[in-house]
Protein backbone atom coordinates (compact mmCIF):
# COMPACT_ATOMS: atom_id res chain seq x y z
CA UNK A 1 -13.87 -10.13 -2.61
CA UNK A 2 -11.54 -12.41 -4.50
CA UNK A 3 -8.67 -11.09 -6.63
CA UNK A 4 -9.74 -10.32 -10.31
CA UNK A 5 -7.38 -10.25 -13.15
CA UNK A 6 -8.14 -7.08 -15.06
CA UNK A 7 -6.77 -6.08 -18.46
CA UNK A 8 -6.88 -2.37 -19.48
CA UNK A 9 -7.03 -1.12 -23.00
CA UNK A 10 -5.76 2.40 -23.07
CA UNK A 11 -3.02 4.53 -21.31
CA UNK A 12 -4.90 7.73 -20.65
CA UNK A 13 -6.37 9.42 -17.53
CA UNK A 14 -9.28 6.92 -17.12
CA UNK A 15 -7.07 4.02 -17.53
CA UNK A 16 -4.64 5.41 -14.94
CA UNK A 17 -7.47 6.37 -12.45
CA UNK A 18 -9.37 3.09 -12.61
CA UNK A 19 -6.28 0.99 -12.89
CA UNK A 20 -4.74 2.59 -9.80
CA UNK A 21 -8.10 2.09 -7.96
CA UNK A 22 -8.16 -1.62 -8.74
CA UNK A 23 -4.59 -2.11 -7.69
CA UNK A 24 -5.34 -0.53 -4.41
CA UNK A 25 -8.35 -2.84 -3.94
CA UNK A 26 -5.98 -5.83 -4.40
CA UNK A 27 -6.71 -6.84 -8.00
CA UNK A 28 -4.15 -7.83 -10.62
CA UNK A 29 -4.07 -5.34 -13.35
CA UNK A 30 -2.22 -5.44 -16.75
CA UNK A 31 -2.17 -2.43 -19.12
CA UNK A 32 -2.23 -2.72 -22.88
CA UNK A 33 -1.78 0.14 -25.33
CA UNK A 34 -1.07 0.88 -28.95
CA UNK A 35 2.31 2.03 -27.59
CA UNK A 36 3.55 -0.82 -25.49
CA UNK A 37 6.23 1.22 -23.91
CA UNK A 38 3.66 3.80 -22.69
CA UNK A 39 1.67 0.90 -21.36
CA UNK A 40 4.70 -0.33 -19.41
CA UNK A 41 5.18 3.10 -17.92
CA UNK A 42 1.62 3.40 -16.85
CA UNK A 43 1.74 0.00 -15.22
CA UNK A 44 4.80 0.86 -13.31
CA UNK A 45 3.28 4.14 -12.14
CA UNK A 46 0.18 2.63 -10.77
CA UNK A 47 1.68 -0.55 -9.43
CA UNK A 48 0.14 -2.88 -12.01
CA UNK A 49 1.42 -6.34 -12.62
CA UNK A 50 2.78 -5.42 -16.05
CA UNK A 51 2.14 -3.71 -19.41
CA UNK A 52 2.49 -4.26 -23.13
CA UNK A 53 0.35 -4.64 -26.18
CA UNK A 54 -3.41 -4.85 -26.03
CA UNK A 55 -3.53 -8.67 -26.92
CA UNK A 56 -1.29 -9.51 -23.95
CA UNK A 57 -3.50 -7.47 -21.63
CA UNK A 58 -6.59 -9.34 -22.73
CA UNK A 59 -5.23 -12.80 -22.68
CA UNK A 60 -4.19 -12.49 -19.03
CA UNK A 61 -7.60 -11.05 -17.94
CA UNK A 62 -10.98 -12.16 -16.64
CA UNK A 63 -12.44 -8.64 -17.17
CA UNK A 64 -11.02 -6.01 -19.67
CA UNK A 65 -11.68 -2.34 -19.45
CA UNK A 66 -12.08 -0.31 -22.52
CA UNK A 67 -10.49 3.00 -21.69
CA UNK A 68 -9.97 4.62 -25.09
CA UNK A 69 -11.95 7.35 -26.82
CA UNK A 70 -15.52 6.36 -27.54
CA UNK A 71 -15.14 7.04 -31.30
CA UNK A 72 -12.53 4.37 -31.75
CA UNK A 73 -13.59 1.81 -29.13
CA UNK A 74 -15.17 -0.64 -31.44
CA UNK A 75 -12.27 -0.43 -33.85
CA UNK A 76 -9.87 -1.26 -30.91
CA UNK A 77 -12.06 -4.20 -29.65
CA UNK A 78 -12.81 -5.89 -33.06
CA UNK A 79 -9.26 -7.30 -33.73
CA UNK A 80 -9.32 -8.74 -30.15
CA UNK A 81 -12.67 -10.41 -30.54
CA UNK A 82 -11.38 -13.99 -30.35
CA UNK A 83 -9.30 -13.36 -27.25
CA UNK A 84 -12.26 -11.52 -25.66
CA UNK A 85 -14.67 -14.55 -25.93
CA UNK A 86 -16.18 -15.33 -22.59
CA UNK A 87 -14.48 -12.32 -20.81
CA UNK A 88 -16.25 -9.47 -19.18
CA UNK A 89 -15.82 -6.33 -21.29
CA UNK A 90 -16.12 -3.19 -19.22
CA UNK A 91 -17.24 -0.14 -21.22
CA UNK A 92 -16.44 3.18 -19.46
CA UNK A 93 -16.58 5.33 -22.54
CA UNK A 94 -18.70 8.56 -22.96
CA UNK A 95 -19.65 9.28 -26.64
CA UNK A 96 -19.54 13.06 -26.55
CA UNK A 97 -18.68 16.11 -28.65
CA UNK A 98 -19.10 19.85 -28.37
CA UNK A 99 -22.60 21.01 -29.41
CA UNK A 100 -24.27 24.36 -29.73
CA UNK A 101 -25.94 24.16 -26.28
CA UNK A 102 -23.18 22.07 -24.61
CA UNK A 103 -21.88 18.59 -24.80
CA UNK A 104 -23.84 16.27 -27.14
CA UNK A 105 -24.21 12.57 -27.70
CA UNK A 106 -22.25 11.29 -30.70
CA UNK A 107 -24.34 8.08 -30.85
CA UNK A 108 -27.74 8.04 -32.41
CA UNK A 109 -29.56 7.58 -29.00
CA UNK A 110 -32.40 5.11 -28.51
CA UNK A 111 -30.95 1.66 -28.74
CA UNK A 112 -27.62 2.86 -30.04
CA UNK A 113 -24.75 2.95 -27.60
CA UNK A 114 -20.98 2.38 -27.55
CA UNK A 115 -21.75 -0.69 -25.38
CA UNK A 116 -23.94 -2.09 -28.04
CA UNK A 117 -21.27 -1.35 -30.66
CA UNK A 118 -18.60 -3.17 -28.62
CA UNK A 119 -21.03 -6.11 -28.15
CA UNK A 120 -21.25 -6.25 -31.99
CA UNK A 121 -17.55 -5.92 -32.41
CA UNK A 122 -16.83 -8.75 -29.94
CA UNK A 123 -20.02 -10.84 -29.92
CA UNK A 124 -18.77 -13.55 -27.53
CA UNK A 125 -17.66 -11.00 -24.91
CA UNK A 126 -19.90 -10.23 -21.95
CA UNK A 127 -20.25 -6.46 -22.15
CA UNK A 128 -21.18 -4.29 -19.02
CA UNK A 129 -21.42 -0.56 -19.18
CA UNK A 130 -20.03 0.93 -15.94
CA UNK A 131 -17.66 3.54 -14.51
CA UNK A 132 -18.34 6.32 -17.12
CA UNK A 133 -20.46 8.62 -15.02
CA UNK A 134 -17.71 10.07 -12.88
CA UNK A 135 -14.80 12.19 -13.82
CA UNK A 136 -11.47 10.21 -13.64
CA UNK A 137 -10.45 12.29 -10.59
CA UNK A 138 -13.05 10.60 -8.51
CA UNK A 139 -11.40 7.24 -8.96
CA UNK A 140 -8.08 8.44 -7.53
CA UNK A 141 -9.89 8.78 -4.07
CA UNK A 142 -9.09 5.90 -1.78
CA UNK A 143 -12.75 5.08 -1.01
CA UNK A 144 -14.91 7.58 -2.94
CA UNK A 145 -17.77 8.95 -0.73
CA UNK A 146 -19.72 12.15 -0.44
CA UNK A 147 -21.88 13.80 2.24
CA UNK A 148 -21.38 10.73 4.43
CA UNK A 149 -22.39 8.08 1.90
CA UNK A 150 -20.21 5.86 -0.34
CA UNK A 151 -20.31 6.55 -4.07
CA UNK A 152 -22.96 4.75 -6.03
CA UNK A 153 -21.79 3.19 -9.32
CA UNK A 154 -24.44 2.38 -11.99
CA UNK A 155 -23.89 -0.35 -14.42
CA UNK A 156 -25.93 -2.19 -17.12
CA UNK A 157 -25.32 -5.67 -18.56
CA UNK A 158 -27.24 -8.75 -19.94
CA UNK A 159 -25.01 -11.56 -18.43
CA UNK A 160 -25.92 -12.24 -14.67
CA UNK A 161 -22.46 -13.62 -13.94
CA UNK A 162 -20.82 -10.63 -15.55
CA UNK A 163 -22.95 -8.29 -13.65
CA UNK A 164 -22.14 -10.07 -10.37
CA UNK A 165 -18.44 -9.68 -11.13
CA UNK A 166 -18.79 -5.96 -11.78
CA UNK A 167 -20.94 -5.61 -8.56
CA UNK A 168 -18.12 -7.37 -6.54
CA UNK A 169 -15.49 -5.15 -8.17
CA UNK A 170 -17.36 -2.03 -7.26
CA UNK A 171 -17.93 -3.28 -3.72
CA UNK A 172 -14.08 -3.88 -3.43
CA UNK A 173 -13.42 -0.30 -4.21
CA UNK A 174 -15.60 0.82 -1.33
CA UNK A 175 -18.41 1.98 -3.53
CA UNK A 176 -21.98 0.77 -3.86
CA UNK A 177 -23.10 -1.10 -7.00
CA UNK A 178 -26.29 0.16 -8.54
CA UNK A 179 -27.79 -2.34 -11.03
CA UNK A 180 -29.68 -0.37 -13.82
CA UNK A 181 -30.85 -3.13 -16.07
CA UNK A 182 -29.79 -4.78 -19.26
CA UNK A 183 -27.40 -3.56 -21.97
CA UNK A 184 -30.31 -1.95 -23.75
CA UNK A 185 -30.25 0.68 -21.05
CA UNK A 186 -26.58 1.51 -21.61
CA UNK A 187 -27.50 4.31 -23.92
CA UNK A 188 -29.37 5.97 -20.97
CA UNK A 189 -26.15 5.77 -18.84
CA UNK A 190 -24.21 7.41 -21.68
CA UNK A 191 -26.72 10.18 -22.03
CA UNK A 192 -26.72 10.74 -18.30
CA UNK A 193 -22.93 11.23 -18.32
CA UNK A 194 -23.20 13.70 -21.12
CA UNK A 195 -25.89 15.55 -19.27
CA UNK A 196 -23.95 15.67 -16.11
CA UNK A 197 -20.91 16.87 -17.83
CA UNK A 198 -22.92 19.77 -19.34
CA UNK A 199 -24.24 20.69 -15.99
CA UNK A 200 -20.76 20.78 -14.47
CA UNK A 201 -19.36 22.70 -17.36
CA UNK A 202 -22.08 25.31 -16.97
CA UNK A 203 -21.12 25.72 -13.28
CA UNK A 204 -23.98 23.74 -11.79
CA UNK A 205 -24.01 20.71 -9.51
CA UNK A 206 -25.50 17.59 -11.12
CA UNK A 207 -26.21 16.05 -7.73
CA UNK A 208 -28.66 18.79 -6.92
CA UNK A 209 -30.74 17.90 -9.99
CA UNK A 210 -31.53 14.33 -8.61
CA UNK A 211 -32.63 14.69 -4.97
CA UNK A 212 -34.32 11.61 -3.45
CA UNK A 213 -38.14 11.97 -3.37
CA UNK A 214 -37.95 10.58 0.19
CA UNK A 215 -36.18 13.80 1.28
CA UNK A 216 -39.42 15.91 0.48
CA UNK A 217 -41.55 16.60 3.47
CA UNK A 218 -44.77 14.47 3.18
CA UNK A 219 -43.39 12.55 0.33
CA UNK A 220 -45.47 9.68 -1.18
CA UNK A 221 -44.49 7.02 -3.68
CA UNK A 222 -45.94 7.76 -6.98
CA UNK A 223 -47.19 4.14 -7.30
CA UNK A 224 -49.17 4.68 -4.12
CA UNK A 225 -51.11 7.50 -5.91
CA UNK A 226 -52.30 5.36 -8.79
């Protein structure tokens, strides 16, 4: 995998975890934040190339990660729209708030997603939804894997070249890229993340909810029964 120049918007836990993972994978990372000094401190901590304001992080990058709260993501991206033109814009946000029965989506569902809102805020960027399913702690592992298998990383995007870049990026982290369709399916990834977080917070194991049909004795493909 070739070295990719990655800009990160944000200085929180997800920015640190994914930024550190990409530095370990050999990529060039620049951190940008509302507080440039905080961005520089994070860059030094994870071994990134440098840190500063958001515009500087975007201008030096091929791909840009949006690692800010979902509710402000579009507002952060919109002023950078011109600089983001042609770049791959990675959306790892999870639009979530407490609800009466556990975590709930803060988007309208259906075709509405943070990824779609980012695409509207920066229409010339190539948006890909990725990296939002796992807790940030997973990305601190050198090569995430469980039960003898590497971690699968789902992603959605409309642009084939952007999707290929993300697949290569995932592969460079020792994980398996899982293409889940176009950006219209980003809302499903966001809902899946909220669902999984709810299961974990209730004391359950999300992975036990999705066993492979092939593991069941005598399993047949649903399509073969039709």
